[in-house]
Every structure is written in structure tokens, then in C-alpha cells.
């Protein structure tokens, strides 16, 4: 085996697709889902790097990790293009095959996606429940939920750099959802528009966080569109229409204060 194939474990990689139907299009669905799972894992890794760099005050390294994460969202979102052919008639046989072979199945069961969402600071506790049948992964999710998000670490750094971040934000239980606070809006506004050269590195970090939030919003939108095309308003496995659930979560906005800045307040 060549070094390239050995490094990639290509011999293993191309055996990981196990279709549940004889449909020609199923392989593209399966591969795209696997690719998206790899991107979820890649983005969570970058977010953890960024969180660590924020804790250590290493803003250039934090910004670099965040920019990589934002770029990974570009690749993740582009993967939806490979499923634009899929309609309800194409997907339902695959869904039925999944049910007969593996039991009830939904992309909403992805534990890596949930980890990504928790790291962004979106923290509904119930999000961990659908993977409770996977003890190790469920435990890992609960651990992530108890740790500060990447945004929590960014705000803690702003506080250490002398910006006025309330103790109710910096010292709150990380398991609780972060709610937008006017003092945090003013802090970010000072970073972006205050004109202090010493804050430029923080602005680079804030801009990278915004790019990640944009990538996340685009992913949610593309998932909603793909589900509407291939699944419609059929009921999901969790008591409501899968389409309705996606539509409700599509309004989630990570890092809310970054979207509320007003230069006139600087």
C-alpha cells in the first residue's frame, strides 16, 4: 500500500458504506451523511482549540482556529449540493430500509452535531436525550454541556482584558443558556468600533465568530430546504413534524451580542 492510502486508511474508508436498499442513489445519501459527520467532528475540534486558546489568552491562535472552523462550514454546506437530486420518492425507500435494518433513524440523532451545538453555546439540555442509548457519547455530551462554550471563553477573555462583562455572565453556570446582555453588546461595540489598537486582535476573533455563526445559519437553512424537498411535512420520530422542528431551530443565533452592535454607541 502506498503511503498516501495508508495515511488515509483508504482501504477501510471505502468499506464503510453499507446500503440498506438496492437503489443507485443511496450511496450518495450515505456518503454525504458520513462526510457531514466528519465535518461536525472537525468543527468541534477547532472550537475546542479556540476555547483553549481563549483561556490561555492566545488570541492569534484562537482566531486561526475559528477561521478554520468557518471554512469547514463552507465545505459542510457545499455537501448538500450532492443531494439536490433527492425527492420524497427517492428518500422514502431509503428511510424504510433504514428502519427495517437499524430501527428508527434520523439525522437529528447525530451526537457530534449536538456536541457542535453545545460548543457554540446553544444549550437546551433535552438535545442530549435522543442519544441516551449510546452511553459513552451521551456522557461525553453531558460533559460538554457542563463546560464553558467557546463564546463563554471569549467573553471571559474580554473581561480579563478590561472590558465590562457582568459577573452574571462570566460566573454563570455554563449549563445554562447564554442570554444576550446589553453590557456585552457595548463591550463588543468597543472592540469593533472603539478605535483602540490594542483591541484589534479581539476584533479578529469577533469577526471569525461571526463567520462561524453565518456558516451555522446556512447549514440550518440548507438542512431545512433538503428536508422539505425529500421528506415534506411527514411526522418525525420525536412527536412533531421534522420540518417544523427544523424551522423552529433555524432561528437559533450563536453569539447574539455580535449581531446587536451599534457603532454610534462606541
Protein backbone atom coordinates (compact mmCIF):
# COMPACT_ATOMS: atom_id res chain seq x y z
CA UNK A 1 0.00 0.00 0.00
CA UNK A 2 1.25 3.49 -0.82
CA UNK A 3 1.97 5.97 1.95
CA UNK A 4 -0.94 8.19 0.83
CA UNK A 5 -3.50 5.37 1.06
CA UNK A 6 -2.00 4.13 4.30
CA UNK A 7 -2.24 7.61 5.84
CA UNK A 8 -5.89 7.99 4.79
CA UNK A 9 -6.76 4.37 5.55
CA UNK A 10 -8.49 4.44 2.18
CA UNK A 11 -8.86 0.67 2.17
CA UNK A 12 -11.04 0.99 5.28
CA UNK A 13 -12.74 4.22 4.25
CA UNK A 14 -14.30 2.76 1.12
CA UNK A 15 -15.72 -0.22 3.01
CA UNK A 16 -17.69 1.90 5.48
CA UNK A 17 -20.74 2.29 3.23
CA UNK A 18 -23.33 -0.43 3.87
CA UNK A 19 -26.50 0.38 1.89
CA UNK A 20 -29.90 -0.84 3.08
CA UNK A 21 -31.55 -0.81 -0.37
CA UNK A 22 -30.64 -1.60 -3.97
CA UNK A 23 -31.27 2.00 -5.08
CA UNK A 24 -28.49 3.57 -7.10
CA UNK A 25 -28.82 6.89 -5.31
CA UNK A 26 -28.48 5.54 -1.79
CA UNK A 27 -24.70 5.57 -1.85
CA UNK A 28 -24.62 9.32 -2.41
CA UNK A 29 -27.00 9.82 0.52
CA UNK A 30 -24.88 7.58 2.73
CA UNK A 31 -21.56 9.15 1.75
CA UNK A 32 -22.85 12.72 2.16
CA UNK A 33 -24.15 11.87 5.65
CA UNK A 34 -20.77 10.37 6.56
CA UNK A 35 -18.95 13.40 5.16
CA UNK A 36 -21.17 15.69 7.22
CA UNK A 37 -20.43 13.67 10.35
CA UNK A 38 -16.70 14.11 9.68
CA UNK A 39 -17.21 17.86 9.28
CA UNK A 40 -19.15 18.00 12.56
CA UNK A 41 -16.20 16.33 14.26
CA UNK A 42 -13.73 18.62 12.52
CA UNK A 43 -15.59 21.78 13.53
CA UNK A 44 -15.94 20.65 17.15
CA UNK A 45 -12.20 20.00 17.26
CA UNK A 46 -11.48 23.53 16.02
CA UNK A 47 -13.92 25.04 18.52
CA UNK A 48 -12.17 23.22 21.34
CA UNK A 49 -8.81 24.51 20.13
CA UNK A 50 -10.22 28.05 20.04
CA UNK A 51 -11.71 27.72 23.54
CA UNK A 52 -8.35 26.58 24.91
CA UNK A 53 -6.52 29.44 23.21
CA UNK A 54 -9.02 31.93 24.63
CA UNK A 55 -8.37 30.54 28.13
CA UNK A 56 -4.64 30.96 27.56
CA UNK A 57 -5.04 34.48 26.13
CA UNK A 58 -3.59 33.40 22.79
CA UNK A 59 -5.85 35.43 20.51
CA UNK A 60 -3.97 34.89 17.20
CA UNK A 61 -4.19 31.12 17.67
CA UNK A 62 -7.85 31.39 18.72
CA UNK A 63 -8.68 33.46 15.64
CA UNK A 64 -6.85 30.98 13.40
CA UNK A 65 -8.83 28.03 14.83
CA UNK A 66 -12.09 29.95 14.43
CA UNK A 67 -11.31 30.84 10.83
CA UNK A 68 -10.59 27.19 10.09
CA UNK A 69 -13.93 26.25 11.65
CA UNK A 70 -15.68 28.85 9.50
CA UNK A 71 -14.00 27.42 6.40
CA UNK A 72 -15.11 23.91 7.40
CA UNK A 73 -18.70 25.16 7.43
CA UNK A 74 -18.21 26.13 3.77
CA UNK A 75 -17.27 22.54 2.95
CA UNK A 76 -20.05 21.13 5.14
CA UNK A 77 -22.68 23.30 3.49
CA UNK A 78 -21.41 22.53 -0.01
CA UNK A 79 -22.06 18.83 0.63
CA UNK A 80 -25.82 19.47 0.39
CA UNK A 81 -25.33 20.03 -3.36
CA UNK A 82 -24.80 16.28 -3.77
CA UNK A 83 -28.34 15.65 -2.51
CA UNK A 84 -30.25 18.19 -4.57
CA UNK A 85 -31.50 15.36 -6.79
CA UNK A 86 -33.29 13.68 -3.88
CA UNK A 87 -37.09 13.94 -3.74
CA UNK A 88 -39.65 12.27 -1.47
CA UNK A 89 -39.85 9.31 -3.85
CA UNK A 90 -36.10 8.85 -3.67
CA UNK A 91 -35.74 9.21 0.09
CA UNK A 92 -38.67 7.24 1.49
CA UNK A 93 -37.39 3.83 0.31
CA UNK A 94 -34.05 4.60 1.98
CA UNK A 95 -35.81 5.69 5.15
CA UNK A 96 -37.87 2.49 5.15
CA UNK A 97 -34.74 0.43 4.58
CA UNK A 98 -33.03 2.16 7.49
CA UNK A 99 -35.99 1.38 9.70
CA UNK A 100 -36.03 -2.29 8.79
CA UNK A 101 -32.27 -2.77 9.27
CA UNK A 102 -31.32 -0.33 12.05
CA UNK A 103 -34.60 0.75 13.61
CA UNK A 104 -35.89 4.29 13.74
CA UNK A 105 -33.27 6.59 12.29
CA UNK A 106 -32.92 10.33 11.80
CA UNK A 107 -30.11 12.76 11.14
CA UNK A 108 -31.33 14.51 14.28
CA UNK A 109 -29.74 11.64 16.24
CA UNK A 110 -26.20 12.76 15.38
CA UNK A 111 -24.30 13.13 18.66
CA UNK A 112 -21.43 15.02 17.02
CA UNK A 113 -23.87 17.61 15.73
CA UNK A 114 -25.20 18.03 19.25
CA UNK A 115 -21.68 18.47 20.57
CA UNK A 116 -21.09 21.18 17.98
CA UNK A 117 -24.26 23.00 19.02
CA UNK A 118 -23.30 22.84 22.71
CA UNK A 119 -19.82 24.20 21.94
CA UNK A 120 -21.41 27.14 20.12
CA UNK A 121 -23.28 27.99 23.34
CA UNK A 122 -26.75 26.80 22.30
CA UNK A 123 -27.63 24.58 25.24
CA UNK A 124 -31.10 23.07 25.52
CA UNK A 125 -30.48 20.13 27.86
CA UNK A 126 -33.02 17.94 26.06
CA UNK A 127 -30.79 17.98 22.99
CA UNK A 128 -28.74 15.20 24.57
CA UNK A 129 -31.71 12.92 25.23
CA UNK A 130 -32.05 11.22 21.80
CA UNK A 131 -28.56 9.70 22.15
CA UNK A 132 -29.11 8.35 25.67
CA UNK A 133 -28.98 4.82 24.21
CA UNK A 134 -25.26 5.47 23.45
CA UNK A 135 -23.81 5.68 27.00
CA UNK A 136 -20.30 6.87 26.12
CA UNK A 137 -21.46 9.50 23.66
CA UNK A 138 -24.26 10.63 25.96
CA UNK A 139 -21.80 11.01 28.84
CA UNK A 140 -19.46 13.00 26.60
CA UNK A 141 -22.30 15.32 25.62
CA UNK A 142 -23.22 15.96 29.24
CA UNK A 143 -19.58 16.74 29.99
CA UNK A 144 -19.53 19.24 27.13
CA UNK A 145 -22.71 20.79 28.49
CA UNK A 146 -21.03 21.37 31.87
CA UNK A 147 -18.02 23.10 30.29
CA UNK A 148 -17.85 26.73 29.06
CA UNK A 149 -18.69 27.17 25.39
CA UNK A 150 -16.25 28.80 23.01
CA UNK A 151 -18.27 32.02 23.39
CA UNK A 152 -18.12 31.80 27.19
CA UNK A 153 -14.33 31.61 26.91
CA UNK A 154 -14.28 34.58 24.52
CA UNK A 155 -16.32 36.70 26.93
CA UNK A 156 -14.12 35.67 29.86
CA UNK A 157 -11.13 36.89 27.86
CA UNK A 158 -12.85 40.20 27.14
CA UNK A 159 -13.37 40.59 30.86
CA UNK A 160 -9.70 39.86 31.61
CA UNK A 161 -8.73 42.44 29.00
CA UNK A 162 -10.58 45.14 30.93
CA UNK A 163 -13.92 45.24 29.15
CA UNK A 164 -17.04 45.46 31.29
CA UNK A 165 -18.58 41.99 31.22
CA UNK A 166 -21.01 41.42 34.12
CA UNK A 167 -20.20 38.77 36.71
CA UNK A 168 -23.61 37.26 35.96
CA UNK A 169 -22.21 36.38 32.53
CA UNK A 170 -18.64 35.42 33.41
CA UNK A 171 -19.52 33.38 36.50
CA UNK A 172 -22.81 31.83 35.44
CA UNK A 173 -23.34 28.06 35.30
CA UNK A 174 -22.15 27.07 31.80
CA UNK A 175 -25.02 24.59 31.56
CA UNK A 176 -27.43 27.49 31.35
CA UNK A 177 -28.22 29.09 28.01
CA UNK A 178 -26.42 32.38 27.44
CA UNK A 179 -28.85 35.27 27.04
CA UNK A 180 -27.96 38.48 25.25
CA UNK A 181 -26.89 41.28 27.64
CA UNK A 182 -26.60 45.00 26.78
CA UNK A 183 -23.24 45.30 28.58
CA UNK A 184 -21.81 42.56 26.37
CA UNK A 185 -23.16 44.37 23.31
CA UNK A 186 -21.35 47.51 24.46
CA UNK A 187 -18.15 45.55 25.08
CA UNK A 188 -18.13 44.11 21.56
CA UNK A 189 -19.03 47.53 20.15
CA UNK A 190 -15.97 48.98 21.88
CA UNK A 191 -13.83 46.19 20.43
CA UNK A 192 -15.08 46.74 16.88
CA UNK A 193 -15.59 50.50 16.78
CA UNK A 194 -13.75 51.99 19.76
CA UNK A 195 -10.57 52.67 17.77
CA UNK A 196 -8.22 51.15 20.35
CA UNK A 197 -5.31 49.44 18.52
CA UNK A 198 -4.86 47.13 21.50
CA UNK A 199 -8.27 45.62 20.72
CA UNK A 200 -7.56 44.65 17.10
CA UNK A 201 -6.79 41.04 17.99
CA UNK A 202 -10.13 40.76 19.78
CA UNK A 203 -11.90 42.19 16.75
CA UNK A 204 -10.31 39.50 14.56
CA UNK A 205 -11.69 36.90 16.96
CA UNK A 206 -15.14 38.50 16.92
CA UNK A 207 -15.18 38.59 13.11
CA UNK A 208 -14.26 34.89 12.99
CA UNK A 209 -17.06 34.08 15.45
CA UNK A 210 -19.50 35.91 13.17
CA UNK A 211 -18.35 33.86 10.17
CA UNK A 212 -18.98 30.67 12.15
CA UNK A 213 -22.47 31.87 13.09
CA UNK A 214 -23.17 32.61 9.42
CA UNK A 215 -22.00 29.13 8.42
CA UNK A 216 -24.16 27.54 11.10
CA UNK A 217 -27.21 29.53 9.97
CA UNK A 218 -26.59 28.48 6.36
CA UNK A 219 -26.32 24.83 7.40
CA UNK A 220 -29.65 25.04 9.23
CA UNK A 221 -31.30 26.65 6.20
CA UNK A 222 -29.93 24.09 3.75
CA UNK A 223 -30.97 21.23 6.02
CA UNK A 224 -34.47 22.68 6.19
CA UNK A 225 -34.68 23.01 2.39
CA UNK A 226 -33.36 19.47 1.83
CA UNK A 227 -35.87 18.07 4.34
CA UNK A 228 -38.74 19.97 2.76
CA UNK A 229 -37.82 18.55 -0.65
CA UNK A 230 -37.20 14.95 0.42
CA UNK A 231 -39.44 14.46 3.45
CA UNK A 232 -42.14 17.12 3.42
CA UNK A 233 -44.40 17.54 6.46
CA UNK A 234 -44.40 13.88 7.45
CA UNK A 235 -44.20 13.25 11.21
CA UNK A 236 -40.76 12.67 12.67
CA UNK A 237 -39.77 10.34 15.48
CA UNK A 238 -39.88 12.89 18.31
CA UNK A 239 -43.53 13.84 18.46
CA UNK A 240 -43.60 16.58 15.84
CA UNK A 241 -43.01 17.18 12.17
CA UNK A 242 -39.30 17.03 11.41
CA UNK A 243 -39.77 20.02 9.14
CA UNK A 244 -41.44 22.03 11.90
CA UNK A 245 -38.66 21.19 14.35
CA UNK A 246 -36.00 22.32 11.88
CA UNK A 247 -37.91 25.52 11.14
CA UNK A 248 -38.05 26.34 14.85
CA UNK A 249 -34.34 25.76 15.38
CA UNK A 250 -33.38 27.67 12.22
CA UNK A 251 -33.75 30.92 14.16
CA UNK A 252 -31.02 29.99 16.65
CA UNK A 253 -28.28 32.63 16.59
CA UNK A 254 -24.94 31.88 18.25
CA UNK A 255 -23.04 34.79 19.82
CA UNK A 256 -26.09 37.10 19.86
CA UNK A 257 -24.38 40.30 21.01
CA UNK A 258 -22.17 40.34 17.92
CA UNK A 259 -25.30 40.93 15.87
CA UNK A 260 -26.56 43.81 18.01
CA UNK A 261 -23.63 46.23 17.87
CA UNK A 262 -24.26 49.89 17.09
CA UNK A 263 -21.23 52.00 16.05
CA UNK A 264 -22.99 55.12 17.34
CA UNK A 265 -22.68 53.72 20.87
CA UNK A 266 -18.89 53.45 20.68
